[in-house]
Protein backbone atom coordinates (compact mmCIF):
# COMPACT_ATOMS: atom_id res chain seq x y z
CA UNK A 1 -3.16 -21.95 -9.85
CA UNK A 2 -3.01 -20.75 -13.18
CA UNK A 3 -5.79 -21.67 -15.28
CA UNK A 4 -4.57 -22.60 -19.02
CA UNK A 5 -6.65 -20.01 -21.56
CA UNK A 6 -7.03 -20.43 -25.03
CA UNK A 7 -4.95 -17.84 -26.84
CA UNK A 8 -6.42 -14.39 -28.48
CA UNK A 9 -6.16 -10.80 -29.23
CA UNK A 10 -6.03 -8.68 -26.24
CA UNK A 11 -8.65 -6.27 -27.72
CA UNK A 12 -10.94 -9.35 -26.91
CA UNK A 13 -10.70 -8.38 -23.42
CA UNK A 14 -13.38 -6.32 -21.67
CA UNK A 15 -12.55 -2.61 -20.51
CA UNK A 16 -13.08 -2.06 -16.83
CA UNK A 17 -15.34 1.02 -16.68
CA UNK A 18 -16.20 1.27 -13.38
CA UNK A 19 -14.03 3.20 -10.51
CA UNK A 20 -11.33 1.65 -8.73
CA UNK A 21 -12.44 0.91 -5.08
CA UNK A 22 -8.95 -1.93 -4.35
CA UNK A 23 -10.52 -4.94 -4.12
CA UNK A 24 -9.58 -5.57 -7.97
CA UNK A 25 -7.58 -8.28 -9.38
CA UNK A 26 -5.89 -7.73 -12.76
CA UNK A 27 -4.77 -10.05 -15.18
CA UNK A 28 -1.59 -10.76 -15.98
CA UNK A 29 -0.89 -13.26 -18.89
CA UNK A 30 1.94 -15.22 -19.02
CA UNK A 31 3.30 -17.25 -22.11
CA UNK A 32 4.03 -20.71 -21.41
CA UNK A 33 4.65 -23.10 -23.49
CA UNK A 34 3.75 -23.28 -27.22
CA UNK A 35 0.62 -21.57 -28.41
CA UNK A 36 -0.36 -21.37 -24.17
CA UNK A 37 -0.81 -18.84 -22.26
CA UNK A 38 -0.97 -18.26 -18.19
CA UNK A 39 -3.81 -16.55 -16.48
CA UNK A 40 -2.82 -15.36 -13.34
CA UNK A 41 -4.24 -12.52 -11.20
CA UNK A 42 -2.24 -9.73 -9.44
CA UNK A 43 -3.62 -6.89 -7.05
CA UNK A 44 -2.92 -3.07 -6.73
CA UNK A 45 -0.31 -3.61 -4.20
CA UNK A 46 1.48 -6.39 -6.04
CA UNK A 47 1.27 -4.61 -9.28
CA UNK A 48 2.58 -1.30 -8.11
CA UNK A 49 5.28 -2.98 -6.68
CA UNK A 50 6.41 -4.39 -10.39
CA UNK A 51 6.04 -1.87 -12.18
CA UNK A 52 8.03 0.16 -9.85
CA UNK A 53 10.45 -2.70 -10.31
CA UNK A 54 10.49 -2.66 -6.00
CA UNK A 55 13.67 -0.48 -6.12
CA UNK A 56 12.29 1.86 -3.74
CA UNK A 57 14.26 3.73 -1.19
CA UNK A 58 12.49 3.34 1.85
CA UNK A 59 12.31 6.21 4.67
CA UNK A 60 13.47 4.79 8.30
CA UNK A 61 12.23 6.43 10.83
CA UNK A 62 14.26 5.82 13.94
CA UNK A 63 13.42 8.62 16.88
CA UNK A 64 10.55 11.25 17.35
CA UNK A 65 7.22 11.23 15.21
CA UNK A 66 5.53 11.02 18.74
CA UNK A 67 1.44 10.78 18.69
CA UNK A 68 1.60 14.90 19.42
CA UNK A 69 4.30 14.98 16.67
CA UNK A 70 3.74 12.67 13.65
CA UNK A 71 6.27 12.06 10.95
CA UNK A 72 4.31 13.84 7.76
CA UNK A 73 4.72 11.56 4.98
CA UNK A 74 5.26 13.43 1.47
CA UNK A 75 3.36 12.90 -1.40
CA UNK A 76 6.06 11.02 -3.17
CA UNK A 77 7.55 8.61 -0.13
CA UNK A 78 6.15 5.03 -0.35
CA UNK A 79 7.67 2.88 2.10
CA UNK A 80 7.79 3.73 5.59
CA UNK A 81 10.15 1.68 8.23
CA UNK A 82 9.39 2.15 11.41
CA UNK A 83 12.88 1.31 13.54
CA UNK A 84 12.71 3.21 16.39
CA UNK A 85 16.06 3.31 18.78
CA UNK A 86 14.10 3.60 22.04
CA UNK A 87 10.42 2.07 22.41
CA UNK A 88 7.72 4.52 22.11
CA UNK A 89 4.69 5.00 19.96
CA UNK A 90 4.93 6.49 16.76
CA UNK A 91 2.77 8.79 14.84
CA UNK A 92 2.92 9.14 11.58
CA UNK A 93 0.40 11.70 9.06
CA UNK A 94 -0.31 10.89 5.43
CA UNK A 95 -0.97 13.60 3.38
CA UNK A 96 -4.09 14.16 1.47
CA UNK A 97 -5.08 11.56 -0.98
CA UNK A 98 -5.16 13.83 -3.67
CA UNK A 99 -1.45 14.69 -3.37
CA UNK A 100 -0.23 11.08 -2.84
CA UNK A 101 1.22 9.41 -5.82
CA UNK A 102 0.57 6.00 -5.03
CA UNK A 103 0.68 4.00 -2.68
CA UNK A 104 2.32 3.89 1.04
CA UNK A 105 3.88 0.99 2.54
CA UNK A 106 4.06 1.11 6.82
CA UNK A 107 6.20 -1.49 8.32
CA UNK A 108 7.06 -2.15 12.47
CA UNK A 109 10.78 -2.80 11.36
CA UNK A 110 11.84 -2.90 15.08
CA UNK A 111 9.12 -5.72 15.92
CA UNK A 112 7.72 -3.58 19.10
CA UNK A 113 4.26 -2.62 17.52
CA UNK A 114 2.36 -4.58 20.30
CA UNK A 115 3.78 -2.87 23.05
CA UNK A 116 4.61 0.54 21.13
CA UNK A 117 1.82 0.93 18.15
CA UNK A 118 2.14 2.62 15.05
CA UNK A 119 -0.70 5.50 14.86
CA UNK A 120 -1.76 6.49 11.35
CA UNK A 121 -3.59 9.51 11.36
CA UNK A 122 -4.93 11.10 7.64
CA UNK A 123 -4.67 15.08 7.03
CA UNK A 124 -7.72 17.32 6.13
CA UNK A 125 -9.92 14.79 7.99
CA UNK A 126 -9.92 12.31 5.73
CA UNK A 127 -10.07 8.91 6.62
CA UNK A 128 -8.78 5.16 6.02
CA UNK A 129 -11.91 2.32 5.82
CA UNK A 130 -14.21 4.75 7.70
CA UNK A 131 -11.05 5.01 10.43
CA UNK A 132 -9.38 8.49 11.36
CA UNK A 133 -6.39 6.78 13.18
CA UNK A 134 -5.39 3.19 11.47
CA UNK A 135 -3.46 1.39 14.24
CA UNK A 136 -0.18 -1.00 13.52
CA UNK A 137 -0.43 -2.75 16.07
CA UNK A 138 1.22 -5.93 16.23
CA UNK A 139 4.85 -6.99 16.25
CA UNK A 140 6.65 -6.56 12.98
CA UNK A 141 3.27 -5.72 10.90
CA UNK A 142 3.14 -3.79 7.85
CA UNK A 143 0.29 -2.36 5.93
CA UNK A 144 -0.64 -0.83 2.89
CA UNK A 145 -2.39 2.28 2.32
CA UNK A 146 -3.85 3.49 -1.22
CA UNK A 147 -4.92 6.74 -1.78
CA UNK A 148 -8.91 7.29 -3.28
CA UNK A 149 -9.43 9.80 -5.90
CA UNK A 150 -12.44 10.92 -4.45
CA UNK A 151 -10.70 11.28 -1.29
CA UNK A 152 -8.94 9.21 1.63
CA UNK A 153 -7.83 5.59 1.59
CA UNK A 154 -8.36 2.15 1.51
CA UNK A 155 -5.88 -0.42 2.78
CA UNK A 156 -4.97 -3.63 1.08
């Protein structure tokens, strides 16, 4: 629920000085009526979609990409949809976080990840939330992977 705040200059907001770790909520202040504003919190994932306009063309994996030969995500890809024509486990390899220009959304579009899991691995020995392989193993599951400037990824 939005909380109504007293209008004031944006310069009165406190500047965040710490590193981003992925759990932050950013303020989104929206005018409502007259001099009233609503204050909402927005996550980094939602902010990314809003800034991109949601108009990102997804990459759809329909075959191959086995665990032994995973699909290698490029630095600019943002949405990976796994919709295989034949049920099989699928491997996805994320690039080094320093070369990634934004988060990556991975989704089981076929709906068979419980039987044929998707395993996301990371280049250069990086990890995600302490895991070297991150499973996407529920039907129709989706996961956002956010690159960290210090190396590795976190899920959001």
